[in-house]
Protein backbone atom coordinates (compact mmCIF):
# COMPACT_ATOMS: atom_id res chain seq x y z
CA MET A 1 0.08 0.27 0.04
CA LYS A 2 2.87 2.23 0.88
CA LYS A 3 4.63 1.77 -2.19
CA VAL A 4 1.40 2.55 -4.14
CA CYS A 5 0.82 5.59 -2.51
CA GLY A 6 4.52 6.66 -3.08
CA LEU A 7 3.75 5.83 -7.02
CA LEU A 8 0.51 7.92 -6.91
CA ALA A 9 2.32 10.54 -5.35
CA LEU A 10 5.36 10.59 -7.50
CA PHE A 11 2.79 10.33 -10.76
CA THR A 12 1.00 13.01 -9.16
CA LEU A 13 4.36 15.29 -8.86
CA LEU A 14 5.09 14.22 -12.61
CA SER A 15 1.89 15.69 -13.56
CA VAL A 16 2.07 18.67 -12.20
CA THR A 17 5.54 19.28 -13.41
CA ILE A 18 4.28 18.54 -16.62
CA ALA A 19 1.44 21.00 -16.68
CA GLN A 20 3.73 23.53 -15.41
CA GLU A 21 6.19 22.80 -17.93
CA GLU A 22 3.44 23.00 -20.71
CA ALA A 23 1.89 26.25 -19.49
CA ALA A 24 5.55 27.50 -19.57
CA SER A 25 5.91 26.60 -22.84
CA ALA A 26 2.40 27.73 -24.16
CA GLN A 27 3.47 31.33 -22.51
CA ASP A 28 6.97 31.57 -24.24
CA ILE A 29 5.11 30.92 -27.08
CA ALA A 30 2.52 33.68 -26.51
CA ASP A 31 5.21 35.94 -25.65
CA LEU A 32 7.28 35.07 -28.76
CA ALA A 33 4.66 35.80 -30.91
CA TYR A 34 3.52 38.87 -29.40
CA ALA A 35 7.19 40.36 -29.93
CA MET A 36 7.33 39.13 -33.41
CA ASN A 37 4.20 40.93 -34.34
CA THR A 38 5.28 44.21 -32.47
CA MET A 39 8.85 44.08 -34.60
CA PHE A 40 6.71 43.46 -37.58
CA MET A 41 4.03 46.37 -37.03
CA VAL A 42 6.99 48.57 -36.04
CA LEU A 43 9.34 47.80 -38.80
CA ALA A 44 6.63 48.30 -41.33
CA GLY A 45 5.80 51.47 -39.87
CA VAL A 46 9.05 52.50 -40.34
CA LEU A 47 8.69 51.95 -44.23
CA VAL A 48 5.65 53.48 -44.46
CA MET A 49 7.41 56.52 -42.51
CA PHE A 50 10.20 56.32 -45.60
CA MET A 51 7.54 56.70 -48.13
CA GLN A 52 7.43 60.54 -46.81
CA ALA A 53 10.88 61.12 -48.39
CA GLY A 54 9.54 59.10 -51.36
CA PHE A 55 6.81 61.61 -51.70
CA ALA A 56 9.23 64.83 -50.89
CA LEU A 57 11.60 63.71 -53.81
CA LEU A 58 8.65 63.03 -56.11
CA GLU A 59 7.01 66.26 -55.82
CA ALA A 60 10.30 68.21 -55.47
CA GLY A 61 11.16 66.60 -58.68
CA LEU A 62 7.87 67.52 -60.50
CA HIS A 63 8.01 71.18 -59.47
CA SER A 64 10.31 74.12 -60.29
CA ALA A 65 13.45 74.51 -58.70
CA LYS A 66 12.33 77.75 -56.98
CA ASN A 67 9.81 75.67 -54.64
CA VAL A 68 11.98 72.87 -53.71
CA VAL A 69 12.43 73.68 -49.97
CA ASN A 70 8.70 74.43 -49.98
CA ILE A 71 7.89 71.13 -51.29
CA PHE A 72 10.01 69.53 -48.67
CA MET A 73 9.19 71.67 -45.96
CA LYS A 74 5.25 70.82 -46.26
CA ASN A 75 6.35 66.76 -46.05
CA TYR A 76 8.01 67.60 -43.16
CA ALA A 77 5.49 69.53 -41.41
CA ASP A 78 2.77 66.79 -42.35
CA PHE A 79 4.91 63.88 -40.43
CA ALA A 80 5.48 66.19 -37.60
CA VAL A 81 2.04 67.58 -37.27
CA ALA A 82 0.58 64.03 -37.55
CA GLY A 83 2.53 62.71 -34.88
CA LEU A 84 1.28 65.41 -32.38
CA ALA A 85 -2.22 65.92 -33.99
CA PHE A 86 -3.12 62.03 -34.27
CA TRP A 87 -1.44 61.08 -30.83
CA ALA A 88 -3.50 63.92 -28.83
CA PHE A 89 -7.14 63.12 -30.51
CA GLY A 90 -6.88 61.77 -33.95
CA PHE A 91 -6.23 58.15 -33.26
CA THR A 92 -9.67 58.52 -30.40
CA PHE A 93 -12.18 59.64 -32.77
CA MET A 94 -11.07 56.94 -35.13
CA TYR A 95 -10.27 53.99 -32.97
CA GLY A 96 -11.71 54.90 -29.33
CA GLY A 97 -10.35 55.17 -25.90
CA GLY A 98 -9.00 59.10 -24.45
CA PHE A 99 -7.02 61.71 -25.11
CA ALA A 100 -3.66 61.12 -26.21
CA LEU A 101 -4.12 56.99 -26.52
CA SER A 102 -5.52 56.90 -22.58
CA GLY A 103 -8.17 54.10 -22.31
CA TYR A 104 -7.11 52.05 -25.65
CA THR A 105 -6.13 48.66 -25.06
CA ASN A 106 -4.74 46.16 -28.01
CA ASP A 107 -3.62 42.57 -26.82
CA THR A 108 -2.11 41.61 -29.96
CA VAL A 109 0.94 44.47 -29.72
CA PRO A 110 1.70 47.29 -27.84
CA VAL A 111 -0.55 50.49 -27.94
CA ALA A 112 2.46 52.31 -28.99
CA ALA A 113 3.48 49.92 -31.83
CA ASP A 114 -0.42 49.98 -32.74
CA PHE A 115 -0.44 53.61 -33.28
CA PHE A 116 3.01 54.59 -34.60
CA PHE A 117 1.57 51.97 -37.64
CA GLN A 118 -1.62 53.75 -38.03
CA MET A 119 -0.01 57.56 -37.26
CA VAL A 120 2.15 56.90 -40.56
CA PHE A 121 -0.96 56.22 -42.43
CA ALA A 122 -2.50 59.53 -41.57
CA GLY A 123 0.76 61.13 -42.42
CA THR A 124 0.55 59.73 -45.95
CA ALA A 125 -3.31 60.69 -46.24
CA ALA A 126 -2.17 64.67 -45.76
CA THR A 127 1.02 64.43 -48.09
CA ILE A 128 -1.00 63.67 -51.00
CA VAL A 129 -2.45 67.15 -50.83
CA SER A 130 0.80 68.73 -50.55
CA GLY A 131 1.90 68.07 -54.01
CA ALA A 132 -1.40 69.06 -55.61
CA ILE A 133 -1.07 72.63 -54.69
CA GLY A 134 2.21 73.31 -54.83
CA GLY A 135 3.77 76.41 -55.88
CA ARG A 136 1.31 78.68 -55.07
CA MET A 137 0.17 78.20 -51.49
CA LYS A 138 0.55 79.52 -47.87
CA PHE A 139 2.80 77.81 -45.75
CA SER A 140 0.95 78.67 -43.01
CA ALA A 141 -2.70 77.80 -44.62
CA TYR A 142 -1.26 74.83 -45.47
CA ILE A 143 0.18 74.10 -41.71
CA ILE A 144 -3.45 74.52 -40.24
CA PHE A 145 -4.86 72.06 -42.96
CA SER A 146 -2.56 69.45 -42.24
CA VAL A 147 -3.46 69.66 -38.49
CA ILE A 148 -7.31 69.45 -39.92
CA MET A 149 -6.54 66.49 -41.81
CA THR A 150 -4.91 64.30 -39.94
CA GLY A 151 -6.45 65.09 -36.55
CA LEU A 152 -10.02 65.04 -37.62
CA ILE A 153 -11.04 64.59 -41.66
CA TYR A 154 -8.50 61.48 -41.82
CA PRO A 155 -9.51 59.82 -38.34
CA PHE A 156 -13.58 60.31 -38.82
CA LEU A 157 -13.72 59.03 -42.36
CA GLY A 158 -11.26 56.18 -41.32
CA GLN A 159 -13.51 55.29 -38.40
CA TRP A 160 -16.55 54.35 -40.74
CA THR A 161 -14.81 51.06 -41.77
CA TRP A 162 -11.36 50.53 -39.34
CA GLY A 163 -12.72 52.02 -36.66
CA GLY A 164 -15.96 49.65 -36.58
CA GLY A 165 -18.26 51.93 -37.96
CA TRP A 166 -21.09 51.90 -40.11
CA LEU A 167 -19.52 50.81 -43.77
CA SER A 168 -17.44 48.21 -41.17
CA GLU A 169 -20.90 47.12 -40.25
CA MET A 170 -22.02 46.77 -44.07
CA GLY A 171 -18.96 44.69 -45.01
CA PHE A 172 -17.38 47.33 -46.83
CA ALA A 173 -13.49 46.22 -47.76
CA ASP A 174 -10.54 48.37 -47.95
CA PHE A 175 -7.95 45.89 -46.56
CA ALA A 176 -5.07 48.80 -46.46
CA GLY A 177 -6.54 51.95 -47.66
CA SER A 178 -7.06 52.15 -51.58
CA THR A 179 -10.22 54.80 -50.40
CA ILE A 180 -9.81 55.36 -46.64
CA VAL A 181 -5.78 56.74 -47.18
CA HIS A 182 -5.62 57.04 -51.06
CA ALA A 183 -9.02 58.44 -52.01
CA VAL A 184 -9.42 60.58 -48.77
CA GLY A 185 -5.90 62.40 -49.56
CA GLY A 186 -6.59 62.50 -53.48
CA PHE A 187 -10.27 64.06 -53.08
CA ALA A 188 -8.83 66.32 -50.52
CA ALA A 189 -6.14 67.87 -52.86
CA LEU A 190 -8.97 68.21 -55.31
CA GLY A 191 -10.49 70.39 -53.17
CA GLY A 192 -7.82 72.47 -52.31
CA VAL A 193 -6.97 72.60 -56.50
CA LEU A 194 -10.37 73.82 -56.81
CA ALA A 195 -9.87 76.36 -53.87
CA VAL A 196 -6.74 77.61 -54.53
CA GLY A 197 -6.69 77.82 -58.39
CA PRO A 198 -4.17 77.18 -60.78
CA ARG A 199 -0.45 78.37 -60.81
CA ILE A 200 0.35 81.70 -62.98
CA GLY A 201 0.59 81.13 -66.64
CA ARG A 202 -0.59 77.25 -66.35
CA TYR A 203 -3.12 77.98 -68.85
CA SER A 204 -4.07 81.13 -71.06
CA ASP A 205 -7.50 81.28 -73.15
CA SER A 206 -7.45 77.84 -74.82
CA ARG A 207 -4.26 76.65 -74.33
CA ILE A 208 -2.47 74.56 -71.79
CA ASN A 209 1.14 75.73 -70.84
CA VAL A 210 3.55 72.87 -70.24
CA MET A 211 5.42 73.24 -67.35
CA PRO A 212 7.45 70.64 -66.63
CA GLY A 213 9.40 69.41 -63.43
CA HIS A 214 12.99 70.71 -62.70
CA ASN A 215 14.50 67.11 -62.01
CA MET A 216 13.05 64.01 -63.10
CA ALA A 217 16.09 62.14 -61.43
CA LEU A 218 14.56 63.30 -58.13
CA ALA A 219 11.19 62.02 -59.26
CA GLY A 220 12.54 58.69 -60.40
CA LEU A 221 13.98 58.06 -56.81
CA GLY A 222 10.97 59.06 -55.11
CA VAL A 223 8.82 56.57 -56.72
CA PHE A 224 11.41 53.71 -56.24
CA ILE A 225 11.44 54.97 -52.45
CA LEU A 226 7.52 54.83 -52.37
CA TRP A 227 7.58 51.57 -53.87
CA LEU A 228 9.83 49.98 -51.56
CA GLY A 229 7.67 51.85 -48.94
CA TRP A 230 4.44 50.21 -50.05
CA PHE A 231 5.75 46.75 -48.68
CA GLY A 232 5.55 48.26 -45.24
CA PHE A 233 1.98 49.91 -46.38
CA ASN A 234 0.21 46.61 -47.48
CA PRO A 235 2.09 43.77 -46.12
CA GLY A 236 1.95 45.76 -42.81
CA SER A 237 -1.69 46.07 -42.69
CA GLN A 238 -2.07 42.21 -42.08
CA LEU A 239 -0.66 43.18 -38.47
CA ALA A 240 0.91 40.28 -37.78
CA ILE A 241 3.17 37.73 -38.97
CA ALA A 242 3.78 35.17 -35.74
CA SER A 243 1.17 32.48 -37.18
CA VAL A 244 1.82 30.52 -40.67
CA ALA A 245 -1.33 31.90 -41.78
CA ASP A 246 -0.32 35.34 -40.97
CA ALA A 247 3.47 34.71 -42.58
CA THR A 248 1.92 33.27 -45.56
CA ALA A 249 -0.50 36.21 -45.97
CA VAL A 250 1.99 38.57 -45.66
CA ALA A 251 4.17 36.91 -48.77
CA ASP A 252 1.30 36.61 -50.79
CA ILE A 253 0.59 40.52 -50.29
CA PHE A 254 4.05 41.19 -51.02
CA LEU A 255 3.41 39.61 -54.44
CA THR A 256 0.36 41.13 -55.53
CA THR A 257 1.86 44.69 -54.65
CA ASN A 258 4.59 44.11 -56.85
CA LEU A 259 2.55 42.34 -59.57
CA ALA A 260 0.28 45.58 -59.81
CA ALA A 261 2.96 48.12 -59.48
CA SER A 262 4.79 46.57 -62.38
CA ALA A 263 1.29 46.19 -64.69
CA GLY A 264 0.44 49.74 -63.87
CA ALA A 265 4.00 50.73 -65.00
CA ILE A 266 4.44 48.40 -68.32
CA VAL A 267 1.07 49.83 -69.34
CA ALA A 268 1.14 53.48 -68.76
CA LEU A 269 4.64 53.36 -70.28
CA PHE A 270 2.80 52.03 -73.63
CA VAL A 271 0.19 53.68 -73.29
CA SER A 272 2.07 57.36 -73.27
CA TRP A 273 4.11 55.70 -76.10
CA ALA A 274 1.05 55.02 -78.43
CA GLN A 275 -0.33 58.54 -77.64
CA PHE A 276 2.96 60.79 -77.33
CA GLY A 277 5.23 59.04 -80.13
CA LYS A 278 7.88 58.46 -76.93
CA PRO A 279 8.02 56.40 -73.73
CA ASP A 280 6.72 59.49 -71.31
CA PHE A 281 9.05 59.13 -67.88
CA SER A 282 6.42 60.92 -65.69
CA MET A 283 3.39 59.06 -66.72
CA THR A 284 5.41 55.40 -66.26
CA LEU A 285 6.24 56.74 -62.75
CA ASN A 286 2.37 57.73 -61.86
CA GLY A 287 1.87 54.52 -63.36
CA THR A 288 3.80 52.59 -60.73
CA LEU A 289 1.93 54.45 -58.48
CA ALA A 290 -1.34 53.96 -60.07
CA GLY A 291 -0.86 50.44 -59.81
CA LEU A 292 0.24 50.29 -56.17
CA VAL A 293 -2.96 52.34 -55.12
CA GLY A 294 -5.19 50.36 -57.12
CA ILE A 295 -4.03 47.33 -55.50
CA THR A 296 -3.83 48.44 -52.10
CA ALA A 297 -7.64 47.72 -51.01
CA GLY A 298 -7.50 43.99 -52.27
CA CYS A 299 -4.06 42.86 -51.80
CA ASN A 300 -5.01 40.48 -49.22
CA VAL A 301 -7.89 38.70 -51.39
CA ILE A 302 -7.07 39.75 -54.76
CA SER A 303 -5.28 36.70 -56.61
CA PRO A 304 -1.66 37.35 -58.48
CA SER A 305 -3.54 37.60 -62.10
CA GLY A 306 -5.95 39.61 -60.56
CA SER A 307 -3.72 41.96 -59.37
CA VAL A 308 -1.90 42.47 -62.54
CA VAL A 309 -5.14 43.33 -64.30
CA VAL A 310 -6.32 45.85 -61.19
CA GLY A 311 -2.67 47.45 -61.80
CA ALA A 312 -2.86 47.63 -65.60
CA ILE A 313 -6.30 49.07 -65.65
CA ALA A 314 -5.02 51.87 -63.07
CA GLY A 315 -2.04 52.34 -65.37
CA VAL A 316 -4.48 53.18 -68.29
CA ILE A 317 -6.67 55.50 -66.11
CA VAL A 318 -3.87 57.30 -64.79
CA VAL A 319 -2.91 58.29 -68.11
CA PHE A 320 -6.06 59.51 -69.47
CA GLY A 321 -7.05 60.91 -65.99
CA ILE A 322 -4.34 63.41 -65.84
CA GLN A 323 -5.08 64.92 -69.41
CA LEU A 324 -8.85 64.99 -68.54
CA LEU A 325 -8.31 67.10 -65.48
CA ASP A 326 -5.69 69.25 -67.32
CA ARG A 327 -8.40 69.80 -70.51
CA ALA A 328 -10.66 70.92 -67.15
CA ARG A 329 -8.15 73.31 -66.18
CA ILE A 330 -7.61 71.55 -62.84
CA ASP A 331 -3.93 72.42 -61.80
CA ASP A 332 -2.21 69.42 -60.36
CA PRO A 333 1.66 69.34 -61.03
CA VAL A 334 2.14 65.75 -59.67
CA GLY A 335 -1.13 63.95 -60.52
CA ALA A 336 -1.99 63.46 -57.05
CA ILE A 337 -5.80 63.52 -57.91
CA THR A 338 -5.93 60.97 -60.20
CA VAL A 339 -3.22 58.69 -59.01
CA HIS A 340 -4.34 58.30 -55.35
CA GLY A 341 -8.43 60.15 -55.75
CA ILE A 342 -9.47 57.94 -59.07
CA CYS A 343 -7.19 54.89 -59.14
CA GLY A 344 -7.93 54.61 -55.33
CA VAL A 345 -11.75 54.13 -56.08
CA TRP A 346 -10.89 51.94 -58.94
CA GLY A 347 -8.82 49.91 -56.67
CA THR A 348 -11.81 49.73 -54.11
CA LEU A 349 -14.33 48.60 -56.45
CA ALA A 350 -12.20 46.25 -57.98
CA VAL A 351 -12.44 44.19 -54.28
CA GLY A 352 -15.63 43.97 -55.77
CA LEU A 353 -15.20 42.27 -58.82
CA PHE A 354 -12.14 40.57 -58.18
CA GLY A 355 -11.92 39.81 -54.45
CA GLY A 356 -15.28 38.48 -53.28
CA ALA A 357 -16.79 41.66 -51.77
CA ASN A 358 -20.16 42.95 -52.63
CA LEU A 359 -19.72 45.62 -55.66
CA VAL A 360 -22.91 47.36 -54.08
CA THR A 361 -21.58 48.11 -50.78
CA GLN A 362 -18.03 48.52 -52.32
CA ALA A 363 -19.60 51.25 -54.43
CA ILE A 364 -21.70 53.25 -51.39
CA GLY A 365 -18.34 53.01 -49.48
CA THR A 366 -15.96 54.34 -51.72
CA PHE A 367 -18.27 57.28 -52.74
CA SER A 368 -19.42 57.95 -49.92
CA ILE A 369 -15.70 58.32 -48.34
CA SER A 370 -14.51 60.00 -51.31
CA GLY A 371 -17.31 62.57 -51.58
CA LEU A 372 -16.88 63.98 -47.72
CA ALA A 373 -13.20 64.17 -48.71
CA PHE A 374 -13.53 66.20 -51.14
CA LEU A 375 -15.96 68.28 -49.37
CA SER A 376 -14.37 68.48 -46.20
CA GLY A 377 -10.99 69.61 -48.05
CA TYR A 378 -12.93 72.12 -50.33
CA VAL A 379 -14.84 73.39 -47.25
CA VAL A 380 -11.87 73.94 -45.32
CA PHE A 381 -9.24 75.90 -47.76
CA LEU A 382 -12.43 78.18 -48.45
CA VAL A 383 -12.84 79.03 -44.72
CA LEU A 384 -9.05 79.20 -44.26
CA LYS A 385 -8.98 81.84 -47.13
CA PRO A 386 -10.47 84.48 -45.11
CA LEU A 387 -8.81 83.50 -41.80
CA THR A 388 -5.07 83.75 -43.30
CA GLY A 389 -5.30 86.42 -45.67
CA GLY A 390 -5.67 84.25 -48.65
CA LEU A 391 -4.97 81.01 -49.56
CA ARG A 392 -1.94 82.24 -52.30
CA VAL A 393 0.73 84.11 -52.15
CA SER A 394 1.00 87.33 -53.87
CA ALA A 395 1.85 87.01 -57.51
CA GLU A 396 4.95 88.37 -57.27
CA ASP A 397 6.02 85.92 -54.64
CA GLU A 398 4.69 82.79 -56.61
CA ILE A 399 6.76 83.77 -59.54
CA ARG A 400 10.17 84.50 -57.45
CA GLY A 401 9.42 81.30 -55.76
CA LEU A 402 8.01 80.18 -52.51
CA ASP A 403 11.60 78.97 -51.30
CA PHE A 404 12.64 82.36 -51.09
CA THR A 405 9.84 84.19 -50.21
CA GLU A 406 8.29 82.09 -47.45
CA HIS A 407 11.29 80.24 -46.27
CA GLY A 408 13.99 82.89 -46.96
CA THR A 409 16.20 80.24 -48.47
CA GLU A 410 16.74 78.42 -51.80
CA ALA A 411 17.19 74.92 -52.68
CA TYR A 412 20.12 75.33 -54.73
CA SER A 413 22.91 78.06 -54.18
CA ASN A 414 23.39 78.55 -58.06
CA ALA A 415 19.02 78.58 -58.40
CA ASP A 416 19.49 81.60 -60.59
CA SER A 417 21.62 79.92 -63.17
CA LEU A 418 18.93 77.03 -63.29
CA GLY A 419 16.20 79.50 -64.15
CA ASP A 420 12.53 78.93 -64.01
CA PRO A 421 11.04 76.08 -66.29
CA VAL A 422 10.45 76.97 -69.97
CA VAL A 423 6.70 77.55 -70.32
CA VAL A 424 5.70 76.36 -73.99
CA GLY A 425 2.45 76.74 -75.38
CA THR A 426 0.60 73.75 -76.37
CA ASP A 427 -2.68 73.22 -77.87
């Protein structure tokens, strides 16, 4: 009997030990998954942050040499403003909780990592606007708009889906933000462009005057950086990588993202070549971005072959969309309205065509968000006009360049020798 009791005691001790070891092992695995997911989100956020440099280079290259500092200044300001405004109240409007992240919880990653990843998206939405209204707007007015965009407009519209709002309940699908980020920025930019008006000399009588960018190498480098950064934007929106399912999804999203970008670039290249007689570099760059924007909403559910179709159609849209806006005398020096706005709408609708979402729901969500983004941008710019003594700099300051008149410096020490971009009349 004593031997039996001893064996039972030993068995009980071993059982308890094994259970403790299994519990410790399970906790170790959970801790490792938590750490991996945290690192994944932080690194993805850093890649999206690096996109800010891509936007700055692209926009600067497509503008006059006399406005390069102003372009960079707005891009820097957007990121800094987003870091404060989205932290203070924007994140709360979008995801709940209290002031400055208080009361918000997340069981899968630290709140700080969650916030950083979401914040860089807010900065992207604002930066889309900066290039479209470049070369003629007061920096002081733009700073105020940036605060409103990152702290109110973007969070309010984003809450409808990513914050569990009414579009989320309808089943609206926008995985990484073709509409929520890009169309919001693109159509807010349209509102700004209409409120500010075209650059001096852009249009005269029935003519569209060409005002070429001063450095296409900068623009090209900017798009390469944006292409790289998009691998944080789309795959990072999986929000986790520590399981086999999540890791597989991340890899698949890398593939669909790259295929759409490649298709957009190649199609825009050949369409512009057929139309203009030579392959147009700026259209090819915007074709790349159009493909990236187009696949962003459905990169997690659209097949590789479907992503090629989505990117290819975006490449066609961007070439003709930029020209149509020019004919309507809507002056967007970087093509942001077409690339981010129109192609963002296309990409979100494409989830209903190629990704299994309900097309009617996709249309309701896309046009609701885009329409209010345009209205909000337009109204905010109109309200700022009297409050800031006019949105535009004086004609003299615009002709001289915003680098000197707004910031007291120049991007190039020999800027005078570069001269202003040649203005050539075209039909």
